[in-house]
PDB file of all heavy atoms in Angstrom:
ATOM      1  N   LEU A   1     -48.170 -10.715 106.961  1.00  0.00           N
ATOM      2  CA  LEU A   1     -48.527 -11.604 108.060  1.00  0.00           C
ATOM      3  C   LEU A   1     -49.950 -12.133 107.918  1.00  0.00           C
ATOM      4  O   LEU A   1     -50.288 -13.154 108.512  1.00  0.00           O
ATOM      5  CB  LEU A   1     -48.392 -10.867 109.389  1.00  0.00           C
ATOM      6  CG  LEU A   1     -46.988 -10.315 109.704  1.00  0.00           C
ATOM      7  CD1 LEU A   1     -47.012  -9.524 110.992  1.00  0.00           C
ATOM      8  CD2 LEU A   1     -45.971 -11.453 109.776  1.00  0.00           C
ATOM      9  N   ALA A   2     -50.772 -11.457 107.124  1.00  0.00           N
ATOM     10  CA  ALA A   2     -52.157 -11.899 106.942  1.00  0.00           C
ATOM     11  C   ALA A   2     -52.234 -13.244 106.229  1.00  0.00           C
ATOM     12  O   ALA A   2     -53.265 -13.917 106.291  1.00  0.00           O
ATOM     13  CB  ALA A   2     -52.957 -10.848 106.175  1.00  0.00           C
ATOM     14  N   SER A   3     -51.158 -13.647 105.567  1.00  0.00           N
ATOM     15  CA  SER A   3     -51.169 -14.940 104.877  1.00  0.00           C
ATOM     16  C   SER A   3     -50.991 -16.103 105.844  1.00  0.00           C
ATOM     17  O   SER A   3     -51.253 -17.253 105.487  1.00  0.00           O
ATOM     18  CB  SER A   3     -50.058 -14.985 103.819  1.00  0.00           C
ATOM     19  OG  SER A   3     -48.774 -14.926 104.434  1.00  0.00           O
ATOM     20  N   ARG A   4     -50.551 -15.834 107.072  1.00  0.00           N
ATOM     21  CA  ARG A   4     -50.418 -16.878 108.090  1.00  0.00           C
ATOM     22  C   ARG A   4     -51.696 -16.938 108.906  1.00  0.00           C
ATOM     23  O   ARG A   4     -52.134 -15.918 109.442  1.00  0.00           O
ATOM     24  CB  ARG A   4     -49.241 -16.586 109.030  1.00  0.00           C
ATOM     25  CG  ARG A   4     -47.924 -16.250 108.361  1.00  0.00           C
ATOM     26  CD  ARG A   4     -47.312 -17.432 107.634  1.00  0.00           C
ATOM     27  NE  ARG A   4     -45.869 -17.315 107.541  1.00  0.00           N
ATOM     28  CZ  ARG A   4     -45.219 -16.553 106.668  1.00  0.00           C
ATOM     29  NH1 ARG A   4     -45.913 -15.799 105.823  1.00  0.00           N
ATOM     30  NH2 ARG A   4     -43.897 -16.529 106.657  1.00  0.00           N
ATOM     31  N   PRO A   5     -52.342 -18.072 109.021  1.00  0.00           N
ATOM     32  CA  PRO A   5     -53.593 -18.146 109.791  1.00  0.00           C
ATOM     33  C   PRO A   5     -53.363 -17.702 111.239  1.00  0.00           C
ATOM     34  O   PRO A   5     -52.558 -18.301 111.965  1.00  0.00           O
ATOM     35  CB  PRO A   5     -53.965 -19.626 109.722  1.00  0.00           C
ATOM     36  CG  PRO A   5     -53.209 -20.180 108.552  1.00  0.00           C
ATOM     37  CD  PRO A   5     -51.947 -19.384 108.461  1.00  0.00           C
ATOM     38  N   PHE A   6     -54.054 -16.638 111.660  1.00  0.00           N
ATOM     39  CA  PHE A   6     -53.812 -16.149 113.016  1.00  0.00           C
ATOM     40  C   PHE A   6     -54.188 -17.192 114.058  1.00  0.00           C
ATOM     41  O   PHE A   6     -53.557 -17.261 115.127  1.00  0.00           O
ATOM     42  CB  PHE A   6     -54.580 -14.858 113.295  1.00  0.00           C
ATOM     43  CG  PHE A   6     -54.431 -14.423 114.728  1.00  0.00           C
ATOM     44  CD1 PHE A   6     -53.237 -13.875 115.166  1.00  0.00           C
ATOM     45  CD2 PHE A   6     -55.449 -14.632 115.644  1.00  0.00           C
ATOM     46  CE1 PHE A   6     -53.063 -13.523 116.496  1.00  0.00           C
ATOM     47  CE2 PHE A   6     -55.294 -14.272 116.976  1.00  0.00           C
ATOM     48  CZ  PHE A   6     -54.090 -13.713 117.405  1.00  0.00           C
ATOM     49  N   ALA A   7     -55.210 -18.007 113.786  1.00  0.00           N
ATOM     50  CA  ALA A   7     -55.600 -19.024 114.768  1.00  0.00           C
ATOM     51  C   ALA A   7     -54.439 -19.975 115.063  1.00  0.00           C
ATOM     52  O   ALA A   7     -54.301 -20.453 116.192  1.00  0.00           O
ATOM     53  CB  ALA A   7     -56.812 -19.804 114.267  1.00  0.00           C
ATOM     54  N   ARG A   8     -53.606 -20.254 114.071  1.00  0.00           N
ATOM     55  CA  ARG A   8     -52.428 -21.095 114.285  1.00  0.00           C
ATOM     56  C   ARG A   8     -51.391 -20.343 115.127  1.00  0.00           C
ATOM     57  O   ARG A   8     -50.784 -20.914 116.049  1.00  0.00           O
ATOM     58  CB  ARG A   8     -51.834 -21.506 112.936  1.00  0.00           C
ATOM     59  CG  ARG A   8     -50.485 -22.217 113.016  1.00  0.00           C
ATOM     60  CD  ARG A   8     -50.542 -23.488 113.835  1.00  0.00           C
ATOM     61  NE  ARG A   8     -49.287 -24.237 113.733  1.00  0.00           N
ATOM     62  CZ  ARG A   8     -48.931 -25.201 114.556  1.00  0.00           C
ATOM     63  NH1 ARG A   8     -49.736 -25.536 115.572  1.00  0.00           N
ATOM     64  NH2 ARG A   8     -47.784 -25.843 114.384  1.00  0.00           N
ATOM     65  N   VAL A   9     -51.192 -19.055 114.835  1.00  0.00           N
ATOM     66  CA  VAL A   9     -50.272 -18.244 115.623  1.00  0.00           C
ATOM     67  C   VAL A   9     -50.737 -18.192 117.075  1.00  0.00           C
ATOM     68  O   VAL A   9     -49.944 -18.345 118.009  1.00  0.00           O
ATOM     69  CB  VAL A   9     -50.169 -16.827 115.038  1.00  0.00           C
ATOM     70  CG1 VAL A   9     -49.338 -15.927 115.945  1.00  0.00           C
ATOM     71  CG2 VAL A   9     -49.576 -16.856 113.634  1.00  0.00           C
ATOM     72  N   ALA A  10     -52.056 -17.987 117.267  1.00  0.00           N
ATOM     73  CA  ALA A  10     -52.601 -17.925 118.624  1.00  0.00           C
ATOM     74  C   ALA A  10     -52.396 -19.244 119.363  1.00  0.00           C
ATOM     75  O   ALA A  10     -52.115 -19.267 120.562  1.00  0.00           O
ATOM     76  CB  ALA A  10     -54.086 -17.580 118.562  1.00  0.00           C
ATOM     77  N   GLN A  11     -52.521 -20.349 118.626  1.00  0.00           N
ATOM     78  CA  GLN A  11     -52.314 -21.666 119.224  1.00  0.00           C
ATOM     79  C   GLN A  11     -50.882 -21.814 119.712  1.00  0.00           C
ATOM     80  O   GLN A  11     -50.626 -22.308 120.824  1.00  0.00           O
ATOM     81  CB  GLN A  11     -52.650 -22.738 118.183  1.00  0.00           C
ATOM     82  CG  GLN A  11     -52.554 -24.166 118.658  1.00  0.00           C
ATOM     83  CD  GLN A  11     -52.805 -25.143 117.508  1.00  0.00           C
ATOM     84  OE1 GLN A  11     -51.913 -25.460 116.725  1.00  0.00           O
ATOM     85  NE2 GLN A  11     -54.041 -25.615 117.405  1.00  0.00           N
ATOM     86  N   LEU A  12     -49.934 -21.366 118.909  1.00  0.00           N
ATOM     87  CA  LEU A  12     -48.524 -21.483 119.271  1.00  0.00           C
ATOM     88  C   LEU A  12     -48.155 -20.566 120.436  1.00  0.00           C
ATOM     89  O   LEU A  12     -47.329 -20.910 121.279  1.00  0.00           O
ATOM     90  CB  LEU A  12     -47.646 -21.173 118.057  1.00  0.00           C
ATOM     91  CG  LEU A  12     -47.687 -22.204 116.927  1.00  0.00           C
ATOM     92  CD1 LEU A  12     -47.033 -21.657 115.675  1.00  0.00           C
ATOM     93  CD2 LEU A  12     -47.004 -23.507 117.363  1.00  0.00           C
ATOM     94  N   LEU A  13     -48.775 -19.393 120.486  1.00  0.00           N
ATOM     95  CA  LEU A  13     -48.468 -18.435 121.542  1.00  0.00           C
ATOM     96  C   LEU A  13     -49.278 -18.668 122.815  1.00  0.00           C
ATOM     97  O   LEU A  13     -48.921 -18.180 123.884  1.00  0.00           O
ATOM     98  CB  LEU A  13     -48.733 -17.006 121.051  1.00  0.00           C
ATOM     99  CG  LEU A  13     -47.733 -16.420 120.045  1.00  0.00           C
ATOM    100  CD1 LEU A  13     -48.225 -15.065 119.552  1.00  0.00           C
ATOM    101  CD2 LEU A  13     -46.353 -16.287 120.671  1.00  0.00           C
ATOM    102  N   GLY A  14     -50.382 -19.404 122.694  1.00  0.00           N
ATOM    103  CA  GLY A  14     -51.271 -19.569 123.837  1.00  0.00           C
ATOM    104  C   GLY A  14     -52.177 -18.371 124.067  1.00  0.00           C
ATOM    105  O   GLY A  14     -52.559 -18.073 125.204  1.00  0.00           O
ATOM    106  N   VAL A  15     -52.538 -17.676 122.993  1.00  0.00           N
ATOM    107  CA  VAL A  15     -53.403 -16.494 123.092  1.00  0.00           C
ATOM    108  C   VAL A  15     -54.839 -16.925 123.362  1.00  0.00           C
ATOM    109  O   VAL A  15     -55.380 -17.783 122.664  1.00  0.00           O
ATOM    110  CB  VAL A  15     -53.336 -15.657 121.797  1.00  0.00           C
ATOM    111  CG1 VAL A  15     -54.302 -14.481 121.868  1.00  0.00           C
ATOM    112  CG2 VAL A  15     -51.919 -15.170 121.548  1.00  0.00           C
ATOM    113  N   ARG A  16     -55.456 -16.318 124.359  1.00  0.00           N
ATOM    114  CA  ARG A  16     -56.857 -16.594 124.673  1.00  0.00           C
ATOM    115  C   ARG A  16     -57.744 -15.373 124.424  1.00  0.00           C
ATOM    116  O   ARG A  16     -58.969 -15.453 124.526  1.00  0.00           O
ATOM    117  CB  ARG A  16     -56.988 -17.010 126.145  1.00  0.00           C
ATOM    118  CG  ARG A  16     -56.240 -18.297 126.494  1.00  0.00           C
ATOM    119  CD  ARG A  16     -56.907 -19.503 125.850  1.00  0.00           C
ATOM    120  NE  ARG A  16     -56.206 -20.751 126.181  1.00  0.00           N
ATOM    121  CZ  ARG A  16     -55.271 -21.297 125.433  1.00  0.00           C
ATOM    122  NH1 ARG A  16     -54.932 -20.698 124.293  1.00  0.00           N
ATOM    123  NH2 ARG A  16     -54.675 -22.419 125.776  1.00  0.00           N
ATOM    124  N   ASP A  17     -57.132 -14.255 124.116  1.00  0.00           N
ATOM    125  CA  ASP A  17     -57.849 -13.002 123.942  1.00  0.00           C
ATOM    126  C   ASP A  17     -58.388 -12.886 122.513  1.00  0.00           C
ATOM    127  O   ASP A  17     -57.975 -13.633 121.617  1.00  0.00           O
ATOM    128  CB  ASP A  17     -56.899 -11.837 124.234  1.00  0.00           C
ATOM    129  CG  ASP A  17     -57.638 -10.542 124.521  1.00  0.00           C
ATOM    130  OD1 ASP A  17     -58.817 -10.620 124.927  1.00  0.00           O
ATOM    131  OD2 ASP A  17     -57.035  -9.465 124.355  1.00  0.00           O
ATOM    132  N   ALA A  18     -59.317 -11.944 122.310  1.00  0.00           N
ATOM    133  CA  ALA A  18     -59.886 -11.664 120.987  1.00  0.00           C
ATOM    134  C   ALA A  18     -59.617 -10.202 120.632  1.00  0.00           C
ATOM    135  O   ALA A  18     -59.418  -9.362 121.522  1.00  0.00           O
ATOM    136  CB  ALA A  18     -61.389 -11.926 120.993  1.00  0.00           C
ATOM    137  N   PRO A  19     -59.564  -9.866 119.323  1.00  0.00           N
ATOM    138  CA  PRO A  19     -59.309  -8.476 118.934  1.00  0.00           C
ATOM    139  C   PRO A  19     -60.276  -7.501 119.591  1.00  0.00           C
ATOM    140  O   PRO A  19     -61.475  -7.760 119.691  1.00  0.00           O
ATOM    141  CB  PRO A  19     -59.496  -8.517 117.412  1.00  0.00           C
ATOM    142  CG  PRO A  19     -59.151  -9.917 117.029  1.00  0.00           C
ATOM    143  CD  PRO A  19     -59.672 -10.760 118.159  1.00  0.00           C
ATOM    144  N   ARG A  20     -59.746  -6.355 120.030  1.00  0.00           N
ATOM    145  CA  ARG A  20     -60.556  -5.353 120.722  1.00  0.00           C
ATOM    146  C   ARG A  20     -60.751  -4.077 119.919  1.00  0.00           C
ATOM    147  O   ARG A  20     -61.703  -3.343 120.148  1.00  0.00           O
ATOM    148  CB  ARG A  20     -59.905  -5.008 122.067  1.00  0.00           C
ATOM    149  CG  ARG A  20     -59.770  -6.192 123.007  1.00  0.00           C
ATOM    150  CD  ARG A  20     -59.214  -5.766 124.334  1.00  0.00           C
ATOM    151  NE  ARG A  20     -58.981  -6.902 125.210  1.00  0.00           N
ATOM    152  CZ  ARG A  20     -58.639  -6.794 126.486  1.00  0.00           C
ATOM    153  NH1 ARG A  20     -58.506  -5.601 127.030  1.00  0.00           N
ATOM    154  NH2 ARG A  20     -58.429  -7.875 127.209  1.00  0.00           N
ATOM    155  N   PHE A  21     -59.802  -3.787 119.032  1.00  0.00           N
ATOM    156  CA  PHE A  21     -59.922  -2.611 118.173  1.00  0.00           C
ATOM    157  C   PHE A  21     -59.584  -3.072 116.760  1.00  0.00           C
ATOM    158  O   PHE A  21     -58.448  -3.456 116.470  1.00  0.00           O
ATOM    159  CB  PHE A  21     -58.977  -1.510 118.641  1.00  0.00           C
ATOM    160  CG  PHE A  21     -59.139  -0.194 117.905  1.00  0.00           C
ATOM    161  CD1 PHE A  21     -60.321   0.152 117.269  1.00  0.00           C
ATOM    162  CD2 PHE A  21     -58.085   0.714 117.862  1.00  0.00           C
ATOM    163  CE1 PHE A  21     -60.470   1.361 116.606  1.00  0.00           C
ATOM    164  CE2 PHE A  21     -58.210   1.925 117.196  1.00  0.00           C
ATOM    165  CZ  PHE A  21     -59.407   2.247 116.574  1.00  0.00           C
ATOM    166  N   VAL A  22     -60.596  -3.070 115.878  1.00  0.00           N
ATOM    167  CA  VAL A  22     -60.462  -3.600 114.524  1.00  0.00           C
ATOM    168  C   VAL A  22     -60.877  -2.529 113.530  1.00  0.00           C
ATOM    169  O   VAL A  22     -61.927  -1.886 113.700  1.00  0.00           O
ATOM    170  CB  VAL A  22     -61.319  -4.861 114.326  1.00  0.00           C
ATOM    171  CG1 VAL A  22     -61.175  -5.396 112.899  1.00  0.00           C
ATOM    172  CG2 VAL A  22     -60.939  -5.939 115.334  1.00  0.00           C
ATOM    173  N   VAL A  23     -60.082  -2.339 112.503  1.00  0.00           N
ATOM    174  CA  VAL A  23     -60.391  -1.377 111.445  1.00  0.00           C
ATOM    175  C   VAL A  23     -60.289  -2.096 110.107  1.00  0.00           C
ATOM    176  O   VAL A  23     -59.244  -2.662 109.775  1.00  0.00           O
ATOM    177  CB  VAL A  23     -59.434  -0.171 111.464  1.00  0.00           C
ATOM    178  CG1 VAL A  23     -59.848   0.843 110.390  1.00  0.00           C
ATOM    179  CG2 VAL A  23     -59.414   0.489 112.841  1.00  0.00           C
ATOM    180  N   SER A  24     -61.368  -2.081 109.343  1.00  0.00           N
ATOM    181  CA  SER A  24     -61.406  -2.737 108.032  1.00  0.00           C
ATOM    182  C   SER A  24     -61.587  -1.677 106.949  1.00  0.00           C
ATOM    183  O   SER A  24     -62.351  -0.725 107.125  1.00  0.00           O
ATOM    184  CB  SER A  24     -62.560  -3.739 107.985  1.00  0.00           C
ATOM    185  OG  SER A  24     -62.727  -4.261 106.679  1.00  0.00           O
TER     186      SER A  24
END
């Protein structure tokens, strides 16, 4: 799923939130 730009996914879903727990 990382190959799909998340910003595009967020646009389609109407997501306004930002990641809250991130592990790299």
